[in-house]
Amino acid sequence: MANLLIFKEFVNVFRSYVAKHGFPDNVVYPFCGPDKSPSVVFPKDAVLYLDNDPDIVKSLVDLGLEARCVDVENIDQMGADLLILFSPPSLDLAAVLSRIKAYHVICDNSEGTAYRLHRIYARERKKFQLLEVLDEESLAADTCPDLFRKEGFYLFHNLSAEPADLVRSP
């Protein structure tokens, strides 16, 4: 059985999100690892944890959380009001985002995720926009990729998606 963790800084980011945007109906957290931080802020039945480690998934399920053991890069299409991408492995980010259609994306930049998300969508002229930096320690950022810092948490908005259009796949 995997030891699950709660990260205070993640909980603070989620609380900041809720204070500004309200509670999302569904949250998808791929590459969650042993992190159960979203369960502190969001209702249990609103969060879907995705990971490829069966021990982690079993531990999450044993706590009454919804979790699936999957290869995130090859999942069926689904929607999310909020997609969490904290320290995802090096992957084809565009492929993941084409499979998980998200209204909002919260990510960090520890693996260059925020920078890559900005670059992919700027280059392909998609309607993804950096809305805000969600933690007080980070510099205020605009859409200039030079301002993405490793320790920041960033909120992106998909202008081509509406929350009501998004449903979690069964």
C-alpha atoms as a PDB file:
ATOM      1  CA  MET A   1       0.000   0.000   0.000  1.00  0.00           C
ATOM      2  CA  ALA A   2       1.348   3.420  -0.995  1.00  0.00           C
ATOM      3  CA  ASN A   3       1.782   6.216   1.535  1.00  0.00           C
ATOM      4  CA  LEU A   4      -0.388   9.103   0.362  1.00  0.00           C
ATOM      5  CA  LEU A   5       0.611  12.716   0.919  1.00  0.00           C
ATOM      6  CA  ILE A   6      -0.996  16.125   1.297  1.00  0.00           C
ATOM      7  CA  PHE A   7       1.051  19.135   0.203  1.00  0.00           C
ATOM      8  CA  LYS A   8       0.150  22.365   1.991  1.00  0.00           C
ATOM      9  CA  GLU A   9       1.290  24.549  -0.914  1.00  0.00           C
ATOM     10  CA  PHE A  10      -1.007  22.612  -3.308  1.00  0.00           C
ATOM     11  CA  VAL A  11      -3.930  22.955  -0.896  1.00  0.00           C
ATOM     12  CA  ASN A  12      -3.309  26.724  -0.756  1.00  0.00           C
ATOM     13  CA  VAL A  13      -3.295  26.928  -4.558  1.00  0.00           C
ATOM     14  CA  PHE A  14      -6.598  25.019  -4.737  1.00  0.00           C
ATOM     15  CA  ARG A  15      -8.135  27.284  -2.083  1.00  0.00           C
ATOM     16  CA  SER A  16      -7.006  30.331  -4.044  1.00  0.00           C
ATOM     17  CA  TYR A  17      -8.612  28.881  -7.165  1.00  0.00           C
ATOM     18  CA  VAL A  18     -11.914  28.192  -5.366  1.00  0.00           C
ATOM     19  CA  ALA A  19     -11.973  31.688  -3.834  1.00  0.00           C
ATOM     20  CA  LYS A  20     -11.701  33.262  -7.285  1.00  0.00           C
ATOM     21  CA  HIS A  21     -13.532  30.777  -9.528  1.00  0.00           C
ATOM     22  CA  GLY A  22     -15.756  28.659  -7.286  1.00  0.00           C
ATOM     23  CA  PHE A  23     -15.866  24.879  -6.997  1.00  0.00           C
ATOM     24  CA  PRO A  24     -15.467  23.007 -10.278  1.00  0.00           C
ATOM     25  CA  ASP A  25     -17.922  20.172 -10.976  1.00  0.00           C
ATOM     26  CA  ASN A  26     -15.156  17.835 -12.085  1.00  0.00           C
ATOM     27  CA  VAL A  27     -11.428  17.846 -11.582  1.00  0.00           C
ATOM     28  CA  VAL A  28      -9.005  15.507 -13.348  1.00  0.00           C
ATOM     29  CA  TYR A  29      -5.574  14.954 -11.816  1.00  0.00           C
ATOM     30  CA  PRO A  30      -3.362  12.843 -14.103  1.00  0.00           C
ATOM     31  CA  PHE A  31       0.096  11.757 -12.937  1.00  0.00           C
ATOM     32  CA  CYS A  32      -1.149  12.311  -9.385  1.00  0.00           C
ATOM     33  CA  GLY A  33       1.375  10.011  -7.756  1.00  0.00           C
ATOM     34  CA  PRO A  34       0.823   9.685  -4.004  1.00  0.00           C
ATOM     35  CA  ASP A  35      -0.677  13.199  -3.764  1.00  0.00           C
ATOM     36  CA  LYS A  36      -4.223  13.382  -2.384  1.00  0.00           C
ATOM     37  CA  SER A  37      -4.137  17.170  -1.811  1.00  0.00           C
ATOM     38  CA  PRO A  38      -7.184  17.932  -4.018  1.00  0.00           C
ATOM     39  CA  SER A  39      -9.366  15.881  -1.630  1.00  0.00           C
ATOM     40  CA  VAL A  40      -8.737  18.483   1.098  1.00  0.00           C
ATOM     41  CA  VAL A  41     -10.402  21.268  -0.902  1.00  0.00           C
ATOM     42  CA  PHE A  42     -12.661  19.720  -3.546  1.00  0.00           C
ATOM     43  CA  PRO A  43     -15.549  17.324  -2.871  1.00  0.00           C
ATOM     44  CA  LYS A  44     -14.397  13.679  -3.081  1.00  0.00           C
ATOM     45  CA  ASP A  45     -16.792  12.843  -5.884  1.00  0.00           C
ATOM     46  CA  ALA A  46     -15.567  15.786  -7.998  1.00  0.00           C
ATOM     47  CA  VAL A  47     -11.961  14.587  -8.366  1.00  0.00           C
ATOM     48  CA  LEU A  48     -10.706  11.829 -10.664  1.00  0.00           C
ATOM     49  CA  TYR A  49      -7.138  10.731  -9.912  1.00  0.00           C
ATOM     50  CA  LEU A  50      -5.221   9.095 -12.770  1.00  0.00           C
ATOM     51  CA  ASP A  51      -1.930   7.275 -12.379  1.00  0.00           C
ATOM     52  CA  ASN A  52      -0.172   4.257 -13.857  1.00  0.00           C
ATOM     53  CA  ASP A  53       0.940   2.856 -10.487  1.00  0.00           C
ATOM     54  CA  PRO A  54      -1.589   0.246  -9.282  1.00  0.00           C
ATOM     55  CA  ASP A  55      -0.467   0.574  -5.625  1.00  0.00           C
ATOM     56  CA  ILE A  56      -1.126   4.319  -5.619  1.00  0.00           C
ATOM     57  CA  VAL A  57      -4.502   3.858  -7.316  1.00  0.00           C
ATOM     58  CA  LYS A  58      -5.494   1.165  -4.818  1.00  0.00           C
ATOM     59  CA  SER A  59      -4.516   3.400  -1.893  1.00  0.00           C
ATOM     60  CA  LEU A  60      -6.615   6.256  -3.276  1.00  0.00           C
ATOM     61  CA  VAL A  61      -9.598   3.963  -3.891  1.00  0.00           C
ATOM     62  CA  ASP A  62      -9.267   2.509  -0.371  1.00  0.00           C
ATOM     63  CA  LEU A  63      -9.786   6.069   0.947  1.00  0.00           C
ATOM     64  CA  GLY A  64     -13.004   6.365  -1.034  1.00  0.00           C
ATOM     65  CA  LEU A  65     -11.485   8.522  -3.770  1.00  0.00           C
ATOM     66  CA  GLU A  66     -12.148   7.930  -7.465  1.00  0.00           C
ATOM     67  CA  ALA A  67      -8.949   6.750  -9.115  1.00  0.00           C
ATOM     68  CA  ARG A  68      -8.019   4.827 -12.248  1.00  0.00           C
ATOM     69  CA  CYS A  69      -4.851   3.035 -13.232  1.00  0.00           C
ATOM     70  CA  VAL A  70      -4.220   4.259 -16.793  1.00  0.00           C
ATOM     71  CA  ASP A  71      -1.601   5.402 -19.255  1.00  0.00           C
ATOM     72  CA  VAL A  72      -2.677   9.046 -19.439  1.00  0.00           C
ATOM     73  CA  GLU A  73      -1.222   9.599 -22.899  1.00  0.00           C
ATOM     74  CA  ASN A  74      -3.540   6.893 -24.280  1.00  0.00           C
ATOM     75  CA  ILE A  75      -6.811   7.421 -22.404  1.00  0.00           C
ATOM     76  CA  ASP A  76     -10.201   7.918 -24.029  1.00  0.00           C
ATOM     77  CA  GLN A  77     -11.284  11.513 -24.451  1.00  0.00           C
ATOM     78  CA  MET A  78     -12.831  13.166 -21.424  1.00  0.00           C
ATOM     79  CA  GLY A  79     -13.631  16.618 -20.184  1.00  0.00           C
ATOM     80  CA  ALA A  80     -12.796  18.491 -17.016  1.00  0.00           C
ATOM     81  CA  ASP A  81     -13.696  21.826 -15.532  1.00  0.00           C
ATOM     82  CA  LEU A  82     -10.229  21.766 -13.962  1.00  0.00           C
ATOM     83  CA  LEU A  83      -7.151  19.802 -15.031  1.00  0.00           C
ATOM     84  CA  ILE A  84      -4.235  19.642 -12.580  1.00  0.00           C
ATOM     85  CA  LEU A  85      -0.756  19.158 -14.050  1.00  0.00           C
ATOM     86  CA  PHE A  86       1.793  19.193 -11.233  1.00  0.00           C
ATOM     87  CA  SER A  87       5.220  17.819 -12.153  1.00  0.00           C
ATOM     88  CA  PRO A  88       3.983  15.615 -14.987  1.00  0.00           C
ATOM     89  CA  PRO A  89       6.629  13.426 -16.586  1.00  0.00           C
ATOM     90  CA  SER A  90       8.152  14.479 -19.858  1.00  0.00           C
ATOM     91  CA  LEU A  91       5.373  13.729 -22.288  1.00  0.00           C
ATOM     92  CA  ASP A  92       3.499  14.902 -25.322  1.00  0.00           C
ATOM     93  CA  LEU A  93       1.541  17.648 -23.600  1.00  0.00           C
ATOM     94  CA  ALA A  94      -0.515  18.436 -26.716  1.00  0.00           C
ATOM     95  CA  ALA A  95      -1.614  14.792 -26.912  1.00  0.00           C
ATOM     96  CA  VAL A  96      -2.722  14.763 -23.268  1.00  0.00           C
ATOM     97  CA  LEU A  97      -4.588  18.046 -23.682  1.00  0.00           C
ATOM     98  CA  SER A  98      -6.318  16.726 -26.794  1.00  0.00           C
ATOM     99  CA  ARG A  99      -7.585  13.748 -24.741  1.00  0.00           C
ATOM    100  CA  ILE A 100      -8.569  15.752 -21.642  1.00  0.00           C
ATOM    101  CA  LYS A 101     -10.496  18.804 -22.800  1.00  0.00           C
ATOM    102  CA  ALA A 102     -10.220  21.221 -19.907  1.00  0.00           C
ATOM    103  CA  TYR A 103     -11.825  24.577 -19.199  1.00  0.00           C
ATOM    104  CA  HIS A 104      -9.090  25.531 -16.706  1.00  0.00           C
ATOM    105  CA  VAL A 105      -5.611  24.071 -16.215  1.00  0.00           C
ATOM    106  CA  ILE A 106      -3.589  24.591 -13.046  1.00  0.00           C
ATOM    107  CA  CYS A 107       0.040  23.669 -13.530  1.00  0.00           C
ATOM    108  CA  ASP A 108       3.455  24.279 -12.142  1.00  0.00           C
ATOM    109  CA  ASN A 109       6.606  24.797 -14.154  1.00  0.00           C
ATOM    110  CA  SER A 110       8.898  22.321 -12.410  1.00  0.00           C
ATOM    111  CA  GLU A 111       9.100  20.239 -15.590  1.00  0.00           C
ATOM    112  CA  GLY A 112       8.556  23.237 -17.856  1.00  0.00           C
ATOM    113  CA  THR A 113       4.821  22.500 -18.059  1.00  0.00           C
ATOM    114  CA  ALA A 114       3.578  26.103 -17.912  1.00  0.00           C
ATOM    115  CA  TYR A 115       6.160  27.225 -20.429  1.00  0.00           C
ATOM    116  CA  ARG A 116       5.372  24.298 -22.767  1.00  0.00           C
ATOM    117  CA  LEU A 117       1.632  24.850 -22.442  1.00  0.00           C
ATOM    118  CA  HIS A 118       2.093  28.504 -23.347  1.00  0.00           C
ATOM    119  CA  ARG A 119       4.390  27.671 -26.291  1.00  0.00           C
ATOM    120  CA  ILE A 120       2.246  24.860 -27.735  1.00  0.00           C
ATOM    121  CA  TYR A 121      -0.870  26.947 -27.821  1.00  0.00           C
ATOM    122  CA  ALA A 122       0.804  30.191 -28.868  1.00  0.00           C
ATOM    123  CA  ARG A 123       2.494  28.381 -31.752  1.00  0.00           C
ATOM    124  CA  GLU A 124      -0.639  26.551 -32.850  1.00  0.00           C
ATOM    125  CA  ARG A 125      -2.811  29.652 -32.337  1.00  0.00           C
ATOM    126  CA  LYS A 126      -5.190  27.814 -30.036  1.00  0.00           C
ATOM    127  CA  LYS A 127      -7.358  29.725 -27.626  1.00  0.00           C
ATOM    128  CA  PHE A 128      -5.511  28.946 -24.421  1.00  0.00           C
ATOM    129  CA  GLN A 129      -4.645  31.896 -22.249  1.00  0.00           C
ATOM    130  CA  LEU A 130      -2.634  32.417 -19.090  1.00  0.00           C
ATOM    131  CA  LEU A 131      -5.095  33.901 -16.596  1.00  0.00           C
ATOM    132  CA  GLU A 132      -3.068  34.315 -13.449  1.00  0.00           C
ATOM    133  CA  VAL A 133      -0.359  33.199 -11.100  1.00  0.00           C
ATOM    134  CA  LEU A 134      -2.018  31.465  -8.141  1.00  0.00           C
ATOM    135  CA  ASP A 135       0.627  31.860  -5.467  1.00  0.00           C
ATOM    136  CA  GLU A 136       1.873  34.996  -3.806  1.00  0.00           C
ATOM    137  CA  GLU A 137       5.575  34.169  -3.937  1.00  0.00           C
ATOM    138  CA  SER A 138       5.738  34.144  -7.740  1.00  0.00           C
ATOM    139  CA  LEU A 139       6.313  37.233  -9.781  1.00  0.00           C
ATOM    140  CA  ALA A 140       3.263  38.564 -11.545  1.00  0.00           C
ATOM    141  CA  ALA A 141       3.373  36.962 -14.974  1.00  0.00           C
ATOM    142  CA  ASP A 142       1.944  37.902 -18.290  1.00  0.00           C
ATOM    143  CA  THR A 143       2.106  35.788 -21.419  1.00  0.00           C
ATOM    144  CA  CYS A 144       5.864  36.267 -21.752  1.00  0.00           C
ATOM    145  CA  PRO A 145       7.428  32.803 -21.289  1.00  0.00           C
ATOM    146  CA  ASP A 146      10.561  34.348 -19.757  1.00  0.00           C
ATOM    147  CA  LEU A 147       8.501  35.094 -16.645  1.00  0.00           C
ATOM    148  CA  PHE A 148       7.541  31.485 -15.950  1.00  0.00           C
ATOM    149  CA  ARG A 149       9.357  30.433 -12.808  1.00  0.00           C
ATOM    150  CA  LYS A 150      10.015  26.900 -11.583  1.00  0.00           C
ATOM    151  CA  GLU A 151       8.263  27.454  -8.259  1.00  0.00           C
ATOM    152  CA  GLY A 152       5.112  29.169  -9.563  1.00  0.00           C
ATOM    153  CA  PHE A 153       1.583  27.822 -10.023  1.00  0.00           C
ATOM    154  CA  TYR A 154      -0.229  29.013 -13.125  1.00  0.00           C
ATOM    155  CA  LEU A 155      -3.869  29.033 -14.199  1.00  0.00           C
ATOM    156  CA  PHE A 156      -4.668  28.744 -17.890  1.00  0.00           C
ATOM    157  CA  HIS A 157      -8.124  29.133 -19.452  1.00  0.00           C
ATOM    158  CA  ASN A 158      -9.303  27.324 -22.573  1.00  0.00           C
ATOM    159  CA  LEU A 159     -11.375  29.949 -24.374  1.00  0.00           C
ATOM    160  CA  SER A 160     -12.834  27.315 -26.709  1.00  0.00           C
ATOM    161  CA  ALA A 161     -14.428  25.295 -23.872  1.00  0.00           C
ATOM    162  CA  GLU A 162     -17.364  26.003 -21.621  1.00  0.00           C
ATOM    163  CA  PRO A 163     -17.827  24.221 -18.278  1.00  0.00           C
ATOM    164  CA  ALA A 164     -21.342  23.071 -19.213  1.00  0.00           C
ATOM    165  CA  ASP A 165     -19.962  21.349 -22.341  1.00  0.00           C
ATOM    166  CA  LEU A 166     -17.585  19.197 -20.360  1.00  0.00           C
ATOM    167  CA  VAL A 167     -18.607  15.841 -19.001  1.00  0.00           C
ATOM    168  CA  ARG A 168     -16.465  13.209 -17.375  1.00  0.00           C
ATOM    169  CA  SER A 169     -16.363  10.011 -19.372  1.00  0.00           C
ATOM    170  CA  PRO A 170     -17.798   6.939 -17.607  1.00  0.00           C
END
